[in-house]
Amino acid sequence: MPRIVLIHGDITEQDVDAIVNAANSSLMGGGGVDGAIHRRGGPAILEECRRLRADRYPQGLPTGQAAVTTGGRLRARWVIHTVGPVYSRREDRSALLASCHIESLRVADQIGAKTVAFPAISTGVYGYPLDEAAPLALSAVRGVTTDVVEVQFVLFDRAAYEAFELALSRAT
């Protein structure tokens, strides 16, 4: 089980092997974490995303899956793109959110990443409540057999950090 570290900060500034991008299915960039990663990482990330779309994901990256590109100008060597679920009160999408974390770590193992930084996937415009997403993300990471030694949850705002801090304290 990897060591879990919480960081209040900017995921694009982390010195890790791979950062996880809360992408949209198009892989063409967007707002929030996705836009920040594409802006900071530069055009090499978008170029590789275009190739992924052309070769492997012509319909877009499915929700809960993960794919890897270069980190471009980021400190991280790689960006692992994953598409989180849009929150629904009528449908339980927790398995899809857990899958984002599990599949991202599976990809990390394939590329040999030992340190991985995650954002709070689906908690922005996709509307997943932090009090549900945080324990789910932590549980998914703890339940995976992986060669990753450290997982950082890099949380941009205080509310996200506090939700993950509370969930982590309850899980230990």
C-alpha atoms as a PDB file:
ATOM      1  CA  MET A   1       0.000   0.000   0.000  1.00  0.00           C
ATOM      2  CA  PRO A   2       1.445   3.377  -0.958  1.00  0.00           C
ATOM      3  CA  ARG A   3       2.071   6.097   1.611  1.00  0.00           C
ATOM      4  CA  ILE A   4      -0.674   8.735   1.323  1.00  0.00           C
ATOM      5  CA  VAL A   5       0.221  12.410   1.653  1.00  0.00           C
ATOM      6  CA  LEU A   6      -2.157  15.384   1.567  1.00  0.00           C
ATOM      7  CA  ILE A   7      -0.907  18.651   0.088  1.00  0.00           C
ATOM      8  CA  HIS A   8      -2.724  21.977  -0.085  1.00  0.00           C
ATOM      9  CA  GLY A   9      -1.398  23.399  -3.334  1.00  0.00           C
ATOM     10  CA  ASP A  10      -1.117  23.356  -7.108  1.00  0.00           C
ATOM     11  CA  ILE A  11      -0.829  19.925  -8.719  1.00  0.00           C
ATOM     12  CA  THR A  12       1.083  21.352 -11.692  1.00  0.00           C
ATOM     13  CA  GLU A  13       3.971  22.277  -9.373  1.00  0.00           C
ATOM     14  CA  GLN A  14       4.479  18.833  -7.832  1.00  0.00           C
ATOM     15  CA  ASP A  15       7.801  17.044  -8.243  1.00  0.00           C
ATOM     16  CA  VAL A  16       6.481  13.520  -8.769  1.00  0.00           C
ATOM     17  CA  ASP A  17       6.840  10.885 -11.492  1.00  0.00           C
ATOM     18  CA  ALA A  18       3.243  11.308 -12.681  1.00  0.00           C
ATOM     19  CA  ILE A  19       0.344  13.630 -12.056  1.00  0.00           C
ATOM     20  CA  VAL A  20      -3.236  12.572 -12.641  1.00  0.00           C
ATOM     21  CA  ASN A  21      -5.369  14.846 -14.761  1.00  0.00           C
ATOM     22  CA  ALA A  22      -9.095  15.071 -14.095  1.00  0.00           C
ATOM     23  CA  ALA A  23      -9.718  15.170 -17.838  1.00  0.00           C
ATOM     24  CA  ASN A  24     -12.835  15.308 -19.935  1.00  0.00           C
ATOM     25  CA  SER A  25     -13.436  12.474 -22.385  1.00  0.00           C
ATOM     26  CA  SER A  26     -12.251  14.524 -25.376  1.00  0.00           C
ATOM     27  CA  LEU A  27      -8.715  14.763 -23.899  1.00  0.00           C
ATOM     28  CA  MET A  28      -8.436  18.140 -25.592  1.00  0.00           C
ATOM     29  CA  GLY A  29      -8.076  20.250 -22.460  1.00  0.00           C
ATOM     30  CA  GLY A  30     -10.708  22.135 -20.562  1.00  0.00           C
ATOM     31  CA  GLY A  31     -11.134  24.102 -17.366  1.00  0.00           C
ATOM     32  CA  GLY A  32     -10.035  23.524 -13.798  1.00  0.00           C
ATOM     33  CA  VAL A  33      -7.232  21.007 -13.219  1.00  0.00           C
ATOM     34  CA  ASP A  34      -7.357  19.884 -16.859  1.00  0.00           C
ATOM     35  CA  GLY A  35      -6.817  23.391 -18.221  1.00  0.00           C
ATOM     36  CA  ALA A  36      -4.065  24.135 -15.699  1.00  0.00           C
ATOM     37  CA  ILE A  37      -2.158  20.961 -16.625  1.00  0.00           C
ATOM     38  CA  HIS A  38      -2.422  21.654 -20.358  1.00  0.00           C
ATOM     39  CA  ARG A  39      -1.355  25.294 -19.917  1.00  0.00           C
ATOM     40  CA  ARG A  40       1.613  24.535 -17.656  1.00  0.00           C
ATOM     41  CA  GLY A  41       2.689  21.381 -19.528  1.00  0.00           C
ATOM     42  CA  GLY A  42       2.560  22.970 -22.951  1.00  0.00           C
ATOM     43  CA  PRO A  43       1.636  21.732 -26.423  1.00  0.00           C
ATOM     44  CA  ALA A  44       3.385  18.332 -26.177  1.00  0.00           C
ATOM     45  CA  ILE A  45       0.579  17.064 -23.921  1.00  0.00           C
ATOM     46  CA  LEU A  46      -2.141  18.114 -26.377  1.00  0.00           C
ATOM     47  CA  GLU A  47      -0.187  16.550 -29.268  1.00  0.00           C
ATOM     48  CA  GLU A  48      -0.085  13.189 -27.494  1.00  0.00           C
ATOM     49  CA  CYS A  49      -3.759  13.511 -26.518  1.00  0.00           C
ATOM     50  CA  ARG A  50      -4.615  14.015 -30.192  1.00  0.00           C
ATOM     51  CA  ARG A  51      -2.698  10.829 -31.056  1.00  0.00           C
ATOM     52  CA  LEU A  52      -4.528   8.910 -28.319  1.00  0.00           C
ATOM     53  CA  ARG A  53      -7.851  10.093 -29.753  1.00  0.00           C
ATOM     54  CA  ALA A  54      -6.845   9.137 -33.287  1.00  0.00           C
ATOM     55  CA  ASP A  55      -5.368   5.729 -32.409  1.00  0.00           C
ATOM     56  CA  ARG A  56      -7.014   4.315 -29.274  1.00  0.00           C
ATOM     57  CA  TYR A  57      -9.987   6.434 -28.237  1.00  0.00           C
ATOM     58  CA  PRO A  58     -11.795   7.812 -31.301  1.00  0.00           C
ATOM     59  CA  GLN A  59     -14.988   8.183 -29.225  1.00  0.00           C
ATOM     60  CA  GLY A  60     -13.095   9.727 -26.296  1.00  0.00           C
ATOM     61  CA  LEU A  61     -11.610   8.253 -23.130  1.00  0.00           C
ATOM     62  CA  PRO A  62     -14.358   6.373 -21.260  1.00  0.00           C
ATOM     63  CA  THR A  63     -15.314   7.425 -17.737  1.00  0.00           C
ATOM     64  CA  GLY A  64     -13.289   5.534 -15.140  1.00  0.00           C
ATOM     65  CA  GLN A  65     -10.462   4.657 -17.535  1.00  0.00           C
ATOM     66  CA  ALA A  66      -6.945   6.129 -17.713  1.00  0.00           C
ATOM     67  CA  ALA A  67      -4.369   6.884 -20.399  1.00  0.00           C
ATOM     68  CA  VAL A  68      -0.870   8.375 -20.240  1.00  0.00           C
ATOM     69  CA  THR A  69       0.983  11.144 -22.072  1.00  0.00           C
ATOM     70  CA  THR A  70       4.188  13.037 -21.568  1.00  0.00           C
ATOM     71  CA  GLY A  71       4.347  15.651 -18.841  1.00  0.00           C
ATOM     72  CA  GLY A  72       5.670  18.188 -21.330  1.00  0.00           C
ATOM     73  CA  ARG A  73       7.092  21.149 -19.417  1.00  0.00           C
ATOM     74  CA  LEU A  74       5.781  19.925 -16.053  1.00  0.00           C
ATOM     75  CA  ARG A  75       8.177  18.624 -13.393  1.00  0.00           C
ATOM     76  CA  ALA A  76       6.321  15.312 -13.652  1.00  0.00           C
ATOM     77  CA  ARG A  77       7.539  13.043 -16.428  1.00  0.00           C
ATOM     78  CA  TRP A  78       4.021  11.802 -17.208  1.00  0.00           C
ATOM     79  CA  VAL A  79       0.400  12.895 -17.062  1.00  0.00           C
ATOM     80  CA  ILE A  80      -2.151  10.162 -16.442  1.00  0.00           C
ATOM     81  CA  HIS A  81      -5.506  11.326 -17.804  1.00  0.00           C
ATOM     82  CA  THR A  82      -8.681   9.929 -16.267  1.00  0.00           C
ATOM     83  CA  VAL A  83     -12.312  10.889 -16.753  1.00  0.00           C
ATOM     84  CA  GLY A  84     -14.331  11.112 -13.566  1.00  0.00           C
ATOM     85  CA  PRO A  85     -18.079  10.638 -13.384  1.00  0.00           C
ATOM     86  CA  VAL A  86     -20.558  13.489 -13.247  1.00  0.00           C
ATOM     87  CA  TYR A  87     -22.306  13.268  -9.875  1.00  0.00           C
ATOM     88  CA  SER A  88     -25.893  12.023  -9.856  1.00  0.00           C
ATOM     89  CA  ARG A  89     -28.341  11.839  -6.960  1.00  0.00           C
ATOM     90  CA  ARG A  90     -30.345   9.193  -8.832  1.00  0.00           C
ATOM     91  CA  GLU A  91     -27.519   6.857  -9.849  1.00  0.00           C
ATOM     92  CA  ASP A  92     -24.613   5.533  -7.751  1.00  0.00           C
ATOM     93  CA  ARG A  93     -21.455   6.341  -9.704  1.00  0.00           C
ATOM     94  CA  SER A  94     -19.013   5.597  -6.893  1.00  0.00           C
ATOM     95  CA  ALA A  95     -17.569   2.563  -8.724  1.00  0.00           C
ATOM     96  CA  LEU A  96     -16.632   4.837 -11.640  1.00  0.00           C
ATOM     97  CA  LEU A  97     -14.904   7.302  -9.320  1.00  0.00           C
ATOM     98  CA  ALA A  98     -13.016   4.469  -7.606  1.00  0.00           C
ATOM     99  CA  SER A  99     -12.056   3.125 -11.034  1.00  0.00           C
ATOM    100  CA  CYS A 100     -10.399   6.449 -11.914  1.00  0.00           C
ATOM    101  CA  HIS A 101      -7.974   5.950  -9.027  1.00  0.00           C
ATOM    102  CA  ILE A 102      -7.469   2.219  -9.578  1.00  0.00           C
ATOM    103  CA  GLU A 103      -6.884   2.545 -13.321  1.00  0.00           C
ATOM    104  CA  SER A 104      -4.564   5.527 -12.844  1.00  0.00           C
ATOM    105  CA  LEU A 105      -2.406   3.465 -10.483  1.00  0.00           C
ATOM    106  CA  ARG A 106      -2.480   0.551 -12.927  1.00  0.00           C
ATOM    107  CA  VAL A 107      -1.146   2.883 -15.642  1.00  0.00           C
ATOM    108  CA  ALA A 108       1.439   4.231 -13.161  1.00  0.00           C
ATOM    109  CA  ASP A 109       2.678   0.678 -12.637  1.00  0.00           C
ATOM    110  CA  GLN A 110       2.901   0.119 -16.398  1.00  0.00           C
ATOM    111  CA  ILE A 111       5.154   3.161 -16.853  1.00  0.00           C
ATOM    112  CA  GLY A 112       7.193   2.563 -13.686  1.00  0.00           C
ATOM    113  CA  ALA A 113       6.015   5.630 -11.753  1.00  0.00           C
ATOM    114  CA  LYS A 114       6.770   5.434  -8.028  1.00  0.00           C
ATOM    115  CA  THR A 115       5.235   8.764  -6.979  1.00  0.00           C
ATOM    116  CA  VAL A 116       1.824   9.925  -8.207  1.00  0.00           C
ATOM    117  CA  ALA A 117      -0.184  13.073  -7.466  1.00  0.00           C
ATOM    118  CA  PHE A 118      -3.989  13.056  -7.715  1.00  0.00           C
ATOM    119  CA  PRO A 119      -6.414  15.982  -7.664  1.00  0.00           C
ATOM    120  CA  ALA A 120      -9.877  15.663  -6.106  1.00  0.00           C
ATOM    121  CA  ILE A 121     -11.370  13.988  -9.185  1.00  0.00           C
ATOM    122  CA  SER A 122     -14.970  14.926 -10.124  1.00  0.00           C
ATOM    123  CA  THR A 123     -15.385  17.431  -7.277  1.00  0.00           C
ATOM    124  CA  GLY A 124     -15.272  20.547  -9.458  1.00  0.00           C
ATOM    125  CA  VAL A 125     -17.716  21.118 -12.298  1.00  0.00           C
ATOM    126  CA  TYR A 126     -18.705  17.411 -12.202  1.00  0.00           C
ATOM    127  CA  GLY A 127     -20.324  18.125  -8.835  1.00  0.00           C
ATOM    128  CA  TYR A 128     -19.208  15.150  -6.727  1.00  0.00           C
ATOM    129  CA  PRO A 129     -19.590  16.155  -3.058  1.00  0.00           C
ATOM    130  CA  LEU A 130     -16.228  16.303  -1.279  1.00  0.00           C
ATOM    131  CA  ASP A 131     -17.562  14.395   1.734  1.00  0.00           C
ATOM    132  CA  GLU A 132     -18.370  11.446  -0.568  1.00  0.00           C
ATOM    133  CA  ALA A 133     -15.430  11.722  -2.979  1.00  0.00           C
ATOM    134  CA  ALA A 134     -12.648  11.976  -0.381  1.00  0.00           C
ATOM    135  CA  PRO A 135     -13.266   8.694   1.499  1.00  0.00           C
ATOM    136  CA  LEU A 136     -13.974   6.918  -1.781  1.00  0.00           C
ATOM    137  CA  ALA A 137     -10.689   8.108  -3.338  1.00  0.00           C
ATOM    138  CA  LEU A 138      -8.680   7.177  -0.249  1.00  0.00           C
ATOM    139  CA  SER A 139     -10.301   3.756  -0.006  1.00  0.00           C
ATOM    140  CA  ALA A 140      -9.665   3.026  -3.693  1.00  0.00           C
ATOM    141  CA  VAL A 141      -5.964   3.922  -3.368  1.00  0.00           C
ATOM    142  CA  ARG A 142      -5.590   1.886  -0.189  1.00  0.00           C
ATOM    143  CA  GLY A 143      -7.239  -1.137  -1.787  1.00  0.00           C
ATOM    144  CA  VAL A 144      -4.953  -1.356  -4.834  1.00  0.00           C
ATOM    145  CA  THR A 145      -1.934  -3.596  -5.126  1.00  0.00           C
ATOM    146  CA  THR A 146       0.639  -1.300  -6.711  1.00  0.00           C
ATOM    147  CA  ASP A 147       4.358  -0.612  -6.933  1.00  0.00           C
ATOM    148  CA  VAL A 148       3.676   3.113  -6.399  1.00  0.00           C
ATOM    149  CA  VAL A 149       5.300   4.067  -3.090  1.00  0.00           C
ATOM    150  CA  GLU A 150       3.694   7.478  -2.546  1.00  0.00           C
ATOM    151  CA  VAL A 151       0.338   8.894  -3.545  1.00  0.00           C
ATOM    152  CA  GLN A 152      -0.167  12.591  -3.018  1.00  0.00           C
ATOM    153  CA  PHE A 153      -3.627  14.117  -3.017  1.00  0.00           C
ATOM    154  CA  VAL A 154      -2.909  17.682  -4.083  1.00  0.00           C
ATOM    155  CA  LEU A 155      -5.902  19.779  -3.129  1.00  0.00           C
ATOM    156  CA  PHE A 156      -6.207  23.265  -4.504  1.00  0.00           C
ATOM    157  CA  ASP A 157      -8.604  24.782  -1.996  1.00  0.00           C
ATOM    158  CA  ARG A 158      -9.010  24.618   1.748  1.00  0.00           C
ATOM    159  CA  ALA A 159     -12.417  22.860   1.619  1.00  0.00           C
ATOM    160  CA  ALA A 160     -11.004  19.983  -0.429  1.00  0.00           C
ATOM    161  CA  TYR A 161      -7.968  19.674   1.824  1.00  0.00           C
ATOM    162  CA  GLU A 162     -10.138  19.583   4.945  1.00  0.00           C
ATOM    163  CA  ALA A 163     -12.497  16.971   3.451  1.00  0.00           C
ATOM    164  CA  PHE A 164      -9.551  14.688   2.594  1.00  0.00           C
ATOM    165  CA  GLU A 165      -7.918  15.338   5.973  1.00  0.00           C
ATOM    166  CA  LEU A 166     -11.124  14.315   7.768  1.00  0.00           C
ATOM    167  CA  ALA A 167     -11.572  11.225   5.582  1.00  0.00           C
ATOM    168  CA  LEU A 168      -7.949  10.206   6.146  1.00  0.00           C
ATOM    169  CA  SER A 169      -8.247  10.608   9.929  1.00  0.00           C
ATOM    170  CA  ARG A 170     -11.384   8.432   9.925  1.00  0.00           C
ATOM    171  CA  ALA A 171      -9.707   5.756   7.818  1.00  0.00           C
ATOM    172  CA  THR A 172      -6.718   5.266  10.124  1.00  0.00           C
END
